[in-house]
Amino acid sequence: MRSAVSRILVDHARRRHRAKRAGQASRCLWTRVWWWRLRNQTAIC
């Protein structure tokens, strides 16, 4: 019984960690895209 509960908790923690990491990666990507656009605009103007 205890092992099953701990396994569920570990699985939940892992899933949350993965989602957090994915969120950080996507945010970094968006920042890059935004920065690239800004640079392109200044270069055009």
PDB file of N, CA and C in Angstrom:
ATOM      1  N   MET A   1       0.834  -1.199   0.000  1.00  0.00           N
ATOM      2  CA  MET A   1       0.000   0.000   0.000  1.00  0.00           C
ATOM      3  C   MET A   1       0.878   1.262   0.000  1.00  0.00           C
ATOM      4  N   ARG A   2       1.855   1.298   0.908  1.00  0.00           N
ATOM      5  CA  ARG A   2       2.711   2.467   1.009  1.00  0.00           C
ATOM      6  C   ARG A   2       3.537   2.650  -0.264  1.00  0.00           C
ATOM      7  N   SER A   3       4.026   1.555  -0.821  1.00  0.00           N
ATOM      8  CA  SER A   3       4.864   1.649  -2.023  1.00  0.00           C
ATOM      9  C   SER A   3       4.051   2.199  -3.190  1.00  0.00           C
ATOM     10  N   ALA A   4       2.781   1.794  -3.282  1.00  0.00           N
ATOM     11  CA  ALA A   4       1.931   2.284  -4.368  1.00  0.00           C
ATOM     12  C   ALA A   4       1.735   3.791  -4.243  1.00  0.00           C
ATOM     13  N   VAL A   5       1.498   4.264  -3.027  1.00  0.00           N
ATOM     14  CA  VAL A   5       1.290   5.705  -2.805  1.00  0.00           C
ATOM     15  C   VAL A   5       2.555   6.483  -3.144  1.00  0.00           C
ATOM     16  N   SER A   6       3.694   5.966  -2.671  1.00  0.00           N
ATOM     17  CA  SER A   6       4.960   6.668  -2.928  1.00  0.00           C
ATOM     18  C   SER A   6       5.248   6.689  -4.425  1.00  0.00           C
ATOM     19  N   ARG A   7       4.900   5.609  -5.114  1.00  0.00           N
ATOM     20  CA  ARG A   7       5.127   5.554  -6.561  1.00  0.00           C
ATOM     21  C   ARG A   7       4.275   6.602  -7.268  1.00  0.00           C
ATOM     22  N   ILE A   8       3.035   6.763  -6.825  1.00  0.00           N
ATOM     23  CA  ILE A   8       2.148   7.774  -7.422  1.00  0.00           C
ATOM     24  C   ILE A   8       2.721   9.165  -7.175  1.00  0.00           C
ATOM     25  N   LEU A   9       3.192   9.395  -5.943  1.00  0.00           N
ATOM     26  CA  LEU A   9       3.756  10.710  -5.605  1.00  0.00           C
ATOM     27  C   LEU A   9       4.991  11.000  -6.440  1.00  0.00           C
ATOM     28  N   VAL A  10       5.854  10.000  -6.585  1.00  0.00           N
ATOM     29  CA  VAL A  10       7.077  10.185  -7.380  1.00  0.00           C
ATOM     30  C   VAL A  10       6.715  10.468  -8.829  1.00  0.00           C
ATOM     31  N   ASP A  11       5.745   9.730  -9.358  1.00  0.00           N
ATOM     32  CA  ASP A  11       5.326   9.933 -10.746  1.00  0.00           C
ATOM     33  C   ASP A  11       4.776  11.342 -10.940  1.00  0.00           C
ATOM     34  N   HIS A  12       3.989  11.796  -9.969  1.00  0.00           N
ATOM     35  CA  HIS A  12       3.402  13.136 -10.047  1.00  0.00           C
ATOM     36  C   HIS A  12       4.502  14.203 -10.008  1.00  0.00           C
ATOM     37  N   ALA A  13       5.476  14.017  -9.107  1.00  0.00           N
ATOM     38  CA  ALA A  13       6.577  14.976  -8.990  1.00  0.00           C
ATOM     39  C   ALA A  13       7.380  15.024 -10.287  1.00  0.00           C
ATOM     40  N   ARG A  14       7.640  13.855 -10.876  1.00  0.00           N
ATOM     41  CA  ARG A  14       8.391  13.799 -12.130  1.00  0.00           C
ATOM     42  C   ARG A  14       7.647  14.538 -13.241  1.00  0.00           C
ATOM     43  N   ARG A  15       6.334  14.294 -13.316  1.00  0.00           N
ATOM     44  CA  ARG A  15       5.533  14.916 -14.365  1.00  0.00           C
ATOM     45  C   ARG A  15       5.555  16.441 -14.215  1.00  0.00           C
ATOM     46  N   ARG A  16       5.446  16.890 -12.941  1.00  0.00           N
ATOM     47  CA  ARG A  16       5.459  18.331 -12.682  1.00  0.00           C
ATOM     48  C   ARG A  16       6.815  18.919 -13.063  1.00  0.00           C
ATOM     49  N   HIS A  17       7.887  18.204 -12.742  1.00  0.00           N
ATOM     50  CA  HIS A  17       9.237  18.675 -13.054  1.00  0.00           C
ATOM     51  C   HIS A  17       9.420  18.794 -14.566  1.00  0.00           C
ATOM     52  N   ARG A  18       8.931  17.787 -15.296  1.00  0.00           N
ATOM     53  CA  ARG A  18       9.055  17.783 -16.756  1.00  0.00           C
ATOM     54  C   ARG A  18       8.279  18.960 -17.347  1.00  0.00           C
ATOM     55  N   ALA A  19       7.074  19.200 -16.831  1.00  0.00           N
ATOM     56  CA  ALA A  19       6.252  20.301 -17.334  1.00  0.00           C
ATOM     57  C   ALA A  19       6.953  21.631 -17.056  1.00  0.00           C
ATOM     58  N   LYS A  20       7.558  21.742 -15.881  1.00  0.00           N
ATOM     59  CA  LYS A  20       8.250  22.970 -15.502  1.00  0.00           C
ATOM     60  C   LYS A  20       9.418  23.215 -16.448  1.00  0.00           C
ATOM     61  N   ARG A  21      10.184  22.150 -16.722  1.00  0.00           N
ATOM     62  CA  ARG A  21      11.330  22.280 -17.618  1.00  0.00           C
ATOM     63  C   ARG A  21      10.873  22.665 -19.017  1.00  0.00           C
ATOM     64  N   ALA A  22       9.794  22.060 -19.479  1.00  0.00           N
ATOM     65  CA  ALA A  22       9.265  22.372 -20.809  1.00  0.00           C
ATOM     66  C   ALA A  22       8.814  23.829 -20.861  1.00  0.00           C
ATOM     67  N   GLY A  23       8.180  24.283 -19.780  1.00  0.00           N
ATOM     68  CA  GLY A  23       7.732  25.671 -19.735  1.00  0.00           C
ATOM     69  C   GLY A  23       8.899  26.635 -19.795  1.00  0.00           C
ATOM     70  N   GLN A  24       9.979  26.316 -19.096  1.00  0.00           N
ATOM     71  CA  GLN A  24      11.156  27.172 -19.127  1.00  0.00           C
ATOM     72  C   GLN A  24      11.746  27.215 -20.528  1.00  0.00           C
ATOM     73  N   ALA A  25      11.818  26.057 -21.191  1.00  0.00           N
ATOM     74  CA  ALA A  25      12.387  25.991 -22.533  1.00  0.00           C
ATOM     75  C   ALA A  25      11.564  26.818 -23.511  1.00  0.00           C
ATOM     76  N   SER A  26      10.234  26.701 -23.430  1.00  0.00           N
ATOM     77  CA  SER A  26       9.374  27.442 -24.350  1.00  0.00           C
ATOM     78  C   SER A  26       9.493  28.944 -24.098  1.00  0.00           C
ATOM     79  N   ARG A  27       9.621  29.320 -22.829  1.00  0.00           N
ATOM     80  CA  ARG A  27       9.759  30.742 -22.508  1.00  0.00           C
ATOM     81  C   ARG A  27      11.070  31.282 -23.076  1.00  0.00           C
ATOM     82  N   CYS A  28      12.133  30.499 -22.975  1.00  0.00           N
ATOM     83  CA  CYS A  28      13.430  30.908 -23.520  1.00  0.00           C
ATOM     84  C   CYS A  28      13.318  31.072 -25.031  1.00  0.00           C
ATOM     85  N   LEU A  29      12.631  30.125 -25.673  1.00  0.00           N
ATOM     86  CA  LEU A  29      12.453  30.183 -27.124  1.00  0.00           C
ATOM     87  C   LEU A  29      11.693  31.435 -27.517  1.00  0.00           C
ATOM     88  N   TRP A  30      10.619  31.739 -26.780  1.00  0.00           N
ATOM     89  CA  TRP A  30       9.822  32.935 -27.083  1.00  0.00           C
ATOM     90  C   TRP A  30      10.653  34.194 -26.917  1.00  0.00           C
ATOM     91  N   THR A  31      11.479  34.235 -25.875  1.00  0.00           N
ATOM     92  CA  THR A  31      12.342  35.406 -25.658  1.00  0.00           C
ATOM     93  C   THR A  31      13.294  35.563 -26.830  1.00  0.00           C
ATOM     94  N   ARG A  32      13.827  34.462 -27.309  1.00  0.00           N
ATOM     95  CA  ARG A  32      14.744  34.495 -28.444  1.00  0.00           C
ATOM     96  C   ARG A  32      14.045  35.034 -29.696  1.00  0.00           C
ATOM     97  N   VAL A  33      12.853  34.511 -29.964  1.00  0.00           N
ATOM     98  CA  VAL A  33      12.093  34.947 -31.142  1.00  0.00           C
ATOM     99  C   VAL A  33      11.799  36.442 -31.044  1.00  0.00           C
ATOM    100  N   TRP A  34      11.397  36.875 -29.863  1.00  0.00           N
ATOM    101  CA  TRP A  34      11.074  38.293 -29.657  1.00  0.00           C
ATOM    102  C   TRP A  34      12.307  39.153 -29.863  1.00  0.00           C
ATOM    103  N   TRP A  35      13.446  38.715 -29.318  1.00  0.00           N
ATOM    104  CA  TRP A  35      14.695  39.470 -29.446  1.00  0.00           C
ATOM    105  C   TRP A  35      15.130  39.537 -30.912  1.00  0.00           C
ATOM    106  N   TRP A  36      14.983  38.411 -31.632  1.00  0.00           N
ATOM    107  CA  TRP A  36      15.360  38.353 -33.042  1.00  0.00           C
ATOM    108  C   TRP A  36      14.498  39.313 -33.864  1.00  0.00           C
ATOM    109  N   ARG A  37      13.204  39.344 -33.567  1.00  0.00           N
ATOM    110  CA  ARG A  37      12.281  40.250 -34.263  1.00  0.00           C
ATOM    111  C   ARG A  37      12.662  41.706 -34.002  1.00  0.00           C
ATOM    112  N   LEU A  38      12.949  42.004 -32.752  1.00  0.00           N
ATOM    113  CA  LEU A  38      13.319  43.369 -32.370  1.00  0.00           C
ATOM    114  C   LEU A  38      14.581  43.798 -33.130  1.00  0.00           C
ATOM    115  N   ARG A  39      15.559  42.939 -33.182  1.00  0.00           N
ATOM    116  CA  ARG A  39      16.808  43.244 -33.881  1.00  0.00           C
ATOM    117  C   ARG A  39      16.550  43.456 -35.372  1.00  0.00           C
ATOM    118  N   ASN A  40      15.697  42.611 -35.943  1.00  0.00           N
ATOM    119  CA  ASN A  40      15.378  42.742 -37.365  1.00  0.00           C
ATOM    120  C   ASN A  40      14.695  44.074 -37.650  1.00  0.00           C
ATOM    121  N   GLN A  41      13.781  44.474 -36.774  1.00  0.00           N
ATOM    122  CA  GLN A  41      13.071  45.735 -36.956  1.00  0.00           C
ATOM    123  C   GLN A  41      14.049  46.902 -36.920  1.00  0.00           C
ATOM    124  N   THR A  42      14.955  46.900 -35.952  1.00  0.00           N
ATOM    125  CA  THR A  42      15.911  47.998 -35.834  1.00  0.00           C
ATOM    126  C   THR A  42      16.825  48.008 -37.053  1.00  0.00           C
ATOM    127  N   ALA A  43      17.176  46.826 -37.571  1.00  0.00           N
ATOM    128  CA  ALA A  43      18.044  46.752 -38.745  1.00  0.00           C
ATOM    129  C   ALA A  43      17.312  47.313 -39.967  1.00  0.00           C
ATOM    130  N   ILE A  44      16.002  46.990 -40.083  1.00  0.00           N
ATOM    131  CA  ILE A  44      15.215  47.477 -41.218  1.00  0.00           C
ATOM    132  C   ILE A  44      15.077  48.998 -41.123  1.00  0.00           C
ATOM    133  N   CYS A  45      14.787  49.503 -39.910  1.00  0.00           N
ATOM    134  CA  CYS A  45      14.646  50.950 -39.724  1.00  0.00           C
ATOM    135  C   CYS A  45      16.042  51.554 -39.582  1.00  0.00           C
TER     136      CYS A  45
END
